[in-house]
Amino acid sequence: MPIIKSAKKAARQSIKRTAHNQQIKKDIKAALKAFKKSPTAANMQKIQSEYDKAAKKGLIKKNTASRRKAAIAKFAKAAGVKPAASTKAAAAKTPAKKPAAKATSAAKAPAKKPAAKKATAKTAAKGKTQSKTKAK
């Protein structure tokens, strides 16, 4: 057992985190079992969501979650399950409302003109020497 106060706290936190991580893994396994038992679009979405959550929290690596989701999609395709339209994809397909255009064009600010380049002393001197050489 730890003696130092911070080590005691770290041990308590470790126990809580372990329990939480095990619960997430149990949820993944239960969702996977349900999907394999009855492959539906809803179950597919549920298991993919569980994998995304686990990857976001660092429980599994991002590529591991991606690989497992791909395997699920392959299984679903073989079973003839069509993926449900996600809410993000559905929102992207619907056109967003455009704000009402203002009737007056006076509200627009005039565009700034680019500032003219100033000739530096070096370029001015260079130009003079070149013109002298050309004149000869």
N, C-alpha and C. Protein backbone atom coordinates (compact mmCIF):
# COMPACT_ATOMS: atom_id res chain seq x y z
N MET A 1 0.84 -1.19 0.00
CA MET A 1 0.00 0.00 0.00
C MET A 1 0.88 1.24 0.00
N PRO A 2 0.43 2.26 -0.72
CA PRO A 2 1.21 3.50 -0.75
C PRO A 2 1.15 4.22 0.59
N ILE A 3 2.21 4.93 0.89
CA ILE A 3 2.30 5.66 2.15
C ILE A 3 2.04 7.15 1.92
N ILE A 4 2.57 7.66 0.82
CA ILE A 4 2.45 9.09 0.51
C ILE A 4 1.02 9.41 0.07
N LYS A 5 0.57 10.60 0.50
CA LYS A 5 -0.80 11.01 0.26
C LYS A 5 -1.14 11.04 -1.24
N SER A 6 -0.25 11.59 -2.06
CA SER A 6 -0.52 11.69 -3.50
C SER A 6 -0.55 10.31 -4.15
N ALA A 7 0.25 9.39 -3.64
CA ALA A 7 0.26 8.02 -4.17
C ALA A 7 -1.04 7.30 -3.82
N LYS A 8 -1.57 7.59 -2.63
CA LYS A 8 -2.86 7.00 -2.23
C LYS A 8 -3.96 7.48 -3.18
N LYS A 9 -3.93 8.80 -3.47
CA LYS A 9 -4.94 9.37 -4.36
C LYS A 9 -4.80 8.78 -5.77
N ALA A 10 -3.57 8.63 -6.24
CA ALA A 10 -3.34 8.06 -7.57
C ALA A 10 -3.86 6.63 -7.64
N ALA A 11 -3.72 5.88 -6.56
CA ALA A 11 -4.22 4.50 -6.52
C ALA A 11 -5.75 4.48 -6.59
N ARG A 12 -6.40 5.43 -5.88
CA ARG A 12 -7.86 5.52 -5.92
C ARG A 12 -8.33 5.87 -7.33
N GLN A 13 -7.65 6.83 -7.95
CA GLN A 13 -8.02 7.25 -9.30
C GLN A 13 -7.84 6.11 -10.30
N SER A 14 -6.78 5.37 -10.11
CA SER A 14 -6.49 4.25 -11.00
C SER A 14 -7.60 3.21 -10.94
N ILE A 15 -8.08 2.94 -9.75
CA ILE A 15 -9.17 1.97 -9.59
C ILE A 15 -10.43 2.46 -10.30
N LYS A 16 -10.76 3.75 -10.14
CA LYS A 16 -11.95 4.31 -10.78
C LYS A 16 -11.81 4.28 -12.30
N ARG A 17 -10.64 4.64 -12.79
CA ARG A 17 -10.43 4.67 -14.24
C ARG A 17 -10.51 3.26 -14.83
N THR A 18 -9.93 2.30 -14.14
CA THR A 18 -9.97 0.92 -14.61
C THR A 18 -11.41 0.43 -14.70
N ALA A 19 -12.21 0.72 -13.69
CA ALA A 19 -13.61 0.31 -13.69
C ALA A 19 -14.36 0.97 -14.84
N HIS A 20 -14.10 2.24 -15.07
CA HIS A 20 -14.77 2.98 -16.14
C HIS A 20 -14.39 2.41 -17.51
N ASN A 21 -13.10 2.14 -17.70
CA ASN A 21 -12.62 1.59 -18.97
C ASN A 21 -13.19 0.19 -19.22
N GLN A 22 -13.29 -0.61 -18.17
CA GLN A 22 -13.87 -1.95 -18.33
C GLN A 22 -15.33 -1.86 -18.73
N GLN A 23 -16.05 -0.88 -18.19
CA GLN A 23 -17.46 -0.70 -18.54
C GLN A 23 -17.60 -0.33 -20.02
N ILE A 24 -16.73 0.54 -20.50
CA ILE A 24 -16.77 0.93 -21.92
C ILE A 24 -16.50 -0.29 -22.80
N LYS A 25 -15.53 -1.12 -22.41
CA LYS A 25 -15.22 -2.32 -23.18
C LYS A 25 -16.39 -3.30 -23.18
N LYS A 26 -17.08 -3.41 -22.03
CA LYS A 26 -18.26 -4.27 -21.95
C LYS A 26 -19.36 -3.76 -22.88
N ASP A 27 -19.53 -2.44 -22.94
CA ASP A 27 -20.53 -1.85 -23.82
C ASP A 27 -20.22 -2.16 -25.29
N ILE A 28 -18.93 -2.08 -25.64
CA ILE A 28 -18.51 -2.39 -27.01
C ILE A 28 -18.83 -3.85 -27.34
N LYS A 29 -18.47 -4.75 -26.43
CA LYS A 29 -18.69 -6.17 -26.66
C LYS A 29 -20.18 -6.49 -26.76
N ALA A 30 -21.00 -5.86 -25.91
CA ALA A 30 -22.44 -6.10 -25.95
C ALA A 30 -23.04 -5.59 -27.26
N ALA A 31 -22.60 -4.41 -27.69
CA ALA A 31 -23.11 -3.85 -28.94
C ALA A 31 -22.69 -4.71 -30.14
N LEU A 32 -21.46 -5.21 -30.10
CA LEU A 32 -20.97 -6.07 -31.18
C LEU A 32 -21.76 -7.38 -31.23
N LYS A 33 -22.03 -7.93 -30.07
CA LYS A 33 -22.80 -9.18 -29.98
C LYS A 33 -24.21 -8.97 -30.53
N ALA A 34 -24.82 -7.84 -30.17
CA ALA A 34 -26.17 -7.53 -30.64
C ALA A 34 -26.18 -7.34 -32.16
N PHE A 35 -25.13 -6.71 -32.67
CA PHE A 35 -25.05 -6.48 -34.12
C PHE A 35 -24.89 -7.79 -34.88
N LYS A 36 -24.03 -8.67 -34.37
CA LYS A 36 -23.81 -9.95 -35.05
C LYS A 36 -25.05 -10.84 -34.97
N LYS A 37 -25.81 -10.71 -33.89
CA LYS A 37 -27.03 -11.50 -33.72
C LYS A 37 -28.10 -11.03 -34.71
N SER A 38 -28.30 -9.72 -34.79
CA SER A 38 -29.27 -9.16 -35.74
C SER A 38 -28.66 -7.93 -36.40
N PRO A 39 -28.01 -8.12 -37.54
CA PRO A 39 -27.37 -6.98 -38.21
C PRO A 39 -28.41 -6.02 -38.82
N THR A 40 -28.58 -4.89 -38.16
CA THR A 40 -29.46 -3.84 -38.66
C THR A 40 -28.68 -2.54 -38.72
N ALA A 41 -29.24 -1.58 -39.41
CA ALA A 41 -28.57 -0.28 -39.53
C ALA A 41 -28.43 0.39 -38.17
N ALA A 42 -29.44 0.24 -37.32
CA ALA A 42 -29.40 0.85 -35.99
C ALA A 42 -28.30 0.23 -35.14
N ASN A 43 -28.20 -1.10 -35.19
CA ASN A 43 -27.15 -1.78 -34.42
C ASN A 43 -25.76 -1.43 -34.95
N MET A 44 -25.66 -1.30 -36.28
CA MET A 44 -24.38 -0.94 -36.88
C MET A 44 -23.95 0.45 -36.43
N GLN A 45 -24.90 1.36 -36.41
CA GLN A 45 -24.61 2.73 -35.98
C GLN A 45 -24.20 2.75 -34.50
N LYS A 46 -24.84 1.92 -33.70
CA LYS A 46 -24.56 1.86 -32.26
C LYS A 46 -23.12 1.38 -32.01
N ILE A 47 -22.72 0.29 -32.68
CA ILE A 47 -21.37 -0.26 -32.45
C ILE A 47 -20.31 0.69 -32.98
N GLN A 48 -20.57 1.34 -34.11
CA GLN A 48 -19.60 2.29 -34.64
C GLN A 48 -19.46 3.49 -33.71
N SER A 49 -20.56 3.90 -33.11
CA SER A 49 -20.53 5.00 -32.15
C SER A 49 -19.71 4.61 -30.91
N GLU A 50 -19.88 3.38 -30.45
CA GLU A 50 -19.12 2.90 -29.28
C GLU A 50 -17.62 2.90 -29.59
N TYR A 51 -17.25 2.47 -30.78
CA TYR A 51 -15.83 2.47 -31.15
C TYR A 51 -15.29 3.90 -31.22
N ASP A 52 -16.08 4.82 -31.76
CA ASP A 52 -15.65 6.22 -31.84
C ASP A 52 -15.43 6.81 -30.45
N LYS A 53 -16.34 6.51 -29.53
CA LYS A 53 -16.21 7.01 -28.16
C LYS A 53 -14.96 6.47 -27.49
N ALA A 54 -14.71 5.18 -27.67
CA ALA A 54 -13.54 4.55 -27.06
C ALA A 54 -12.26 5.14 -27.62
N ALA A 55 -12.24 5.41 -28.92
CA ALA A 55 -11.05 6.00 -29.55
C ALA A 55 -10.84 7.44 -29.08
N LYS A 56 -11.93 8.16 -28.93
CA LYS A 56 -11.85 9.56 -28.49
C LYS A 56 -11.31 9.65 -27.07
N LYS A 57 -11.68 8.70 -26.23
CA LYS A 57 -11.23 8.71 -24.84
C LYS A 57 -9.86 8.07 -24.65
N GLY A 58 -9.31 7.52 -25.74
CA GLY A 58 -7.97 6.95 -25.66
C GLY A 58 -7.93 5.51 -25.18
N LEU A 59 -9.08 4.88 -25.11
CA LEU A 59 -9.14 3.50 -24.66
C LEU A 59 -8.57 2.55 -25.72
N ILE A 60 -8.90 2.85 -26.97
CA ILE A 60 -8.28 2.13 -28.09
C ILE A 60 -7.74 3.17 -29.06
N LYS A 61 -6.81 2.75 -29.91
CA LYS A 61 -6.22 3.69 -30.85
C LYS A 61 -7.19 4.00 -31.98
N LYS A 62 -6.99 5.15 -32.59
CA LYS A 62 -7.87 5.62 -33.65
C LYS A 62 -7.90 4.64 -34.83
N ASN A 63 -6.74 4.15 -35.22
CA ASN A 63 -6.68 3.23 -36.36
C ASN A 63 -7.31 1.88 -36.02
N THR A 64 -7.21 1.47 -34.78
CA THR A 64 -7.85 0.22 -34.35
C THR A 64 -9.36 0.35 -34.49
N ALA A 65 -9.89 1.48 -34.03
CA ALA A 65 -11.33 1.72 -34.13
C ALA A 65 -11.75 1.75 -35.60
N SER A 66 -10.95 2.40 -36.42
CA SER A 66 -11.24 2.49 -37.84
C SER A 66 -11.24 1.11 -38.50
N ARG A 67 -10.26 0.31 -38.16
CA ARG A 67 -10.15 -1.04 -38.72
C ARG A 67 -11.36 -1.90 -38.33
N ARG A 68 -11.75 -1.81 -37.06
CA ARG A 68 -12.88 -2.60 -36.58
C ARG A 68 -14.19 -2.13 -37.20
N LYS A 69 -14.34 -0.82 -37.39
CA LYS A 69 -15.53 -0.29 -38.03
C LYS A 69 -15.61 -0.74 -39.48
N ALA A 70 -14.46 -0.82 -40.15
CA ALA A 70 -14.43 -1.29 -41.53
C ALA A 70 -14.86 -2.76 -41.60
N ALA A 71 -14.42 -3.54 -40.64
CA ALA A 71 -14.80 -4.96 -40.59
C ALA A 71 -16.31 -5.09 -40.37
N ILE A 72 -16.86 -4.22 -39.54
CA ILE A 72 -18.30 -4.23 -39.29
C ILE A 72 -19.06 -3.87 -40.57
N ALA A 73 -18.57 -2.87 -41.28
CA ALA A 73 -19.20 -2.45 -42.52
C ALA A 73 -19.17 -3.58 -43.55
N LYS A 74 -18.06 -4.29 -43.60
CA LYS A 74 -17.92 -5.42 -44.52
C LYS A 74 -18.91 -6.53 -44.16
N PHE A 75 -19.03 -6.80 -42.87
CA PHE A 75 -19.97 -7.82 -42.38
C PHE A 75 -21.41 -7.41 -42.72
N ALA A 76 -21.71 -6.12 -42.53
CA ALA A 76 -23.05 -5.60 -42.79
C ALA A 76 -23.37 -5.69 -44.28
N LYS A 77 -22.40 -5.38 -45.11
CA LYS A 77 -22.60 -5.45 -46.56
C LYS A 77 -22.90 -6.89 -46.99
N ALA A 78 -22.17 -7.84 -46.42
CA ALA A 78 -22.40 -9.24 -46.73
C ALA A 78 -23.78 -9.69 -46.26
N ALA A 79 -24.25 -9.11 -45.16
CA ALA A 79 -25.56 -9.46 -44.62
C ALA A 79 -26.69 -8.71 -45.33
N GLY A 80 -26.32 -7.75 -46.18
CA GLY A 80 -27.32 -6.99 -46.93
C GLY A 80 -27.91 -5.83 -46.16
N VAL A 81 -27.18 -5.29 -45.20
CA VAL A 81 -27.66 -4.16 -44.40
C VAL A 81 -27.22 -2.86 -45.08
N LYS A 82 -28.18 -1.98 -45.29
CA LYS A 82 -27.87 -0.67 -45.84
C LYS A 82 -27.61 0.27 -44.67
N PRO A 83 -26.50 1.04 -44.71
CA PRO A 83 -26.22 1.96 -43.60
C PRO A 83 -27.25 3.08 -43.56
N ALA A 84 -27.64 3.44 -42.35
CA ALA A 84 -28.60 4.53 -42.17
C ALA A 84 -27.90 5.85 -42.44
N ALA A 85 -28.64 6.81 -42.94
CA ALA A 85 -28.07 8.14 -43.20
C ALA A 85 -27.73 8.79 -41.87
N SER A 86 -26.50 9.21 -41.74
CA SER A 86 -26.10 9.84 -40.49
C SER A 86 -26.68 11.24 -40.40
N THR A 87 -26.74 11.78 -39.22
CA THR A 87 -27.32 13.11 -39.03
C THR A 87 -26.45 14.17 -39.67
N LYS A 88 -25.13 13.98 -39.64
CA LYS A 88 -24.23 14.96 -40.26
C LYS A 88 -24.41 14.97 -41.77
N ALA A 89 -24.52 13.80 -42.37
CA ALA A 89 -24.69 13.71 -43.82
C ALA A 89 -26.03 14.29 -44.23
N ALA A 90 -27.05 14.04 -43.45
CA ALA A 90 -28.38 14.56 -43.76
C ALA A 90 -28.40 16.08 -43.63
N ALA A 91 -27.69 16.60 -42.65
CA ALA A 91 -27.63 18.05 -42.47
C ALA A 91 -26.85 18.70 -43.61
N ALA A 92 -25.85 18.02 -44.13
CA ALA A 92 -25.05 18.57 -45.22
C ALA A 92 -25.85 18.60 -46.53
N LYS A 93 -26.76 17.64 -46.71
CA LYS A 93 -27.54 17.57 -47.94
C LYS A 93 -28.61 18.65 -47.99
N THR A 94 -29.17 19.02 -46.83
CA THR A 94 -30.21 20.04 -46.83
C THR A 94 -29.57 21.41 -46.98
N PRO A 95 -30.10 22.23 -47.88
CA PRO A 95 -29.49 23.55 -48.07
C PRO A 95 -29.73 24.44 -46.86
N ALA A 96 -28.72 25.17 -46.51
CA ALA A 96 -28.82 26.08 -45.37
C ALA A 96 -29.53 27.35 -45.82
N LYS A 97 -30.25 27.97 -44.90
CA LYS A 97 -30.96 29.20 -45.22
C LYS A 97 -29.96 30.33 -45.37
N LYS A 98 -30.14 31.10 -46.44
CA LYS A 98 -29.26 32.24 -46.67
C LYS A 98 -29.84 33.46 -45.96
N PRO A 99 -28.99 34.30 -45.39
CA PRO A 99 -29.52 35.50 -44.75
C PRO A 99 -30.08 36.45 -45.81
N ALA A 100 -31.08 37.22 -45.43
CA ALA A 100 -31.71 38.15 -46.36
C ALA A 100 -30.70 39.20 -46.80
N ALA A 101 -30.67 39.46 -48.10
CA ALA A 101 -29.74 40.44 -48.65
C ALA A 101 -30.27 41.84 -48.37
N LYS A 102 -29.37 42.76 -48.11
CA LYS A 102 -29.78 44.14 -47.84
C LYS A 102 -30.08 44.84 -49.17
N ALA A 103 -31.08 45.69 -49.16
CA ALA A 103 -31.53 46.34 -50.38
C ALA A 103 -30.55 47.43 -50.82
N THR A 104 -29.92 48.10 -49.87
CA THR A 104 -29.04 49.21 -50.24
C THR A 104 -27.62 48.71 -50.45
N SER A 105 -27.00 49.21 -51.49
CA SER A 105 -25.61 48.83 -51.75
C SER A 105 -24.65 49.83 -51.11
N ALA A 106 -25.21 50.89 -50.53
CA ALA A 106 -24.36 51.90 -49.88
C ALA A 106 -23.74 51.35 -48.61
N ALA A 107 -24.28 50.28 -48.07
CA ALA A 107 -23.77 49.71 -46.83
C ALA A 107 -22.43 49.03 -47.06
N LYS A 108 -22.15 48.67 -48.31
CA LYS A 108 -20.87 48.02 -48.60
C LYS A 108 -19.73 49.02 -48.50
N ALA A 109 -18.65 48.57 -47.92
CA ALA A 109 -17.47 49.42 -47.82
C ALA A 109 -16.70 49.30 -49.13
N PRO A 110 -16.17 50.42 -49.63
CA PRO A 110 -15.41 50.35 -50.88
C PRO A 110 -14.12 49.55 -50.68
N ALA A 111 -13.73 48.83 -51.71
CA ALA A 111 -12.52 48.01 -51.63
C ALA A 111 -11.29 48.90 -51.64
N LYS A 112 -10.29 48.52 -50.86
CA LYS A 112 -9.06 49.31 -50.80
C LYS A 112 -8.21 49.03 -52.02
N LYS A 113 -7.58 50.07 -52.53
CA LYS A 113 -6.67 49.89 -53.65
C LYS A 113 -5.30 49.52 -53.09
N PRO A 114 -4.57 48.64 -53.78
CA PRO A 114 -3.24 48.28 -53.28
C PRO A 114 -2.30 49.49 -53.36
N ALA A 115 -1.46 49.62 -52.37
CA ALA A 115 -0.53 50.75 -52.32
C ALA A 115 0.52 50.58 -53.41
N ALA A 116 0.90 51.70 -54.03
CA ALA A 116 1.92 51.67 -55.08
C ALA A 116 3.27 51.41 -54.44
N LYS A 117 4.12 50.66 -55.15
CA LYS A 117 5.44 50.34 -54.61
C LYS A 117 6.34 51.56 -54.74
N LYS A 118 7.05 51.82 -53.67
CA LYS A 118 7.99 52.94 -53.68
C LYS A 118 9.34 52.45 -54.14
N ALA A 119 10.00 53.26 -54.94
CA ALA A 119 11.34 52.90 -55.42
C ALA A 119 12.33 53.13 -54.29
N THR A 120 13.13 52.15 -54.00
CA THR A 120 14.12 52.29 -52.94
C THR A 120 15.37 52.94 -53.52
N ALA A 121 16.24 53.35 -52.64
CA ALA A 121 17.47 54.03 -53.07
C ALA A 121 18.34 53.10 -53.90
N LYS A 122 18.39 51.83 -53.54
CA LYS A 122 19.22 50.87 -54.28
C LYS A 122 18.72 50.70 -55.71
N THR A 123 17.40 50.52 -55.85
CA THR A 123 16.87 50.29 -57.19
C THR A 123 16.99 51.55 -58.03
N ALA A 124 16.86 52.73 -57.41
CA ALA A 124 17.00 53.98 -58.15
C ALA A 124 18.44 54.13 -58.64
N ALA A 125 19.40 53.82 -57.76
CA ALA A 125 20.81 53.93 -58.13
C ALA A 125 21.14 52.90 -59.20
N LYS A 126 20.59 51.73 -59.06
CA LYS A 126 20.83 50.65 -60.02
C LYS A 126 20.31 51.06 -61.40
N GLY A 127 19.14 51.67 -61.41
CA GLY A 127 18.55 52.12 -62.66
C GLY A 127 19.40 53.16 -63.36
N LYS A 128 20.02 54.05 -62.57
CA LYS A 128 20.87 55.09 -63.15
C LYS A 128 22.12 54.48 -63.77
N THR A 129 22.72 53.53 -63.08
CA THR A 129 23.94 52.91 -63.61
C THR A 129 23.63 52.12 -64.86
N GLN A 130 22.49 51.47 -64.89
CA GLN A 130 22.14 50.69 -66.08
C GLN A 130 21.88 51.60 -67.27
N SER A 131 21.22 52.74 -67.01
CA SER A 131 20.94 53.65 -68.12
C SER A 131 22.23 54.26 -68.66
N LYS A 132 23.25 54.47 -67.80
CA LYS A 132 24.53 55.01 -68.26
C LYS A 132 25.24 53.99 -69.14
N THR A 133 25.18 52.71 -68.72
CA THR A 133 25.87 51.69 -69.51
C THR A 133 25.20 51.49 -70.85
N LYS A 134 23.90 51.64 -70.90
CA LYS A 134 23.18 51.46 -72.16
C LYS A 134 23.47 52.62 -73.10
N ALA A 135 23.65 53.83 -72.54
CA ALA A 135 23.89 55.02 -73.35
C ALA A 135 25.26 54.96 -74.02
N LYS A 136 26.22 54.31 -73.44
CA LYS A 136 27.57 54.28 -74.00
C LYS A 136 27.64 53.47 -75.18
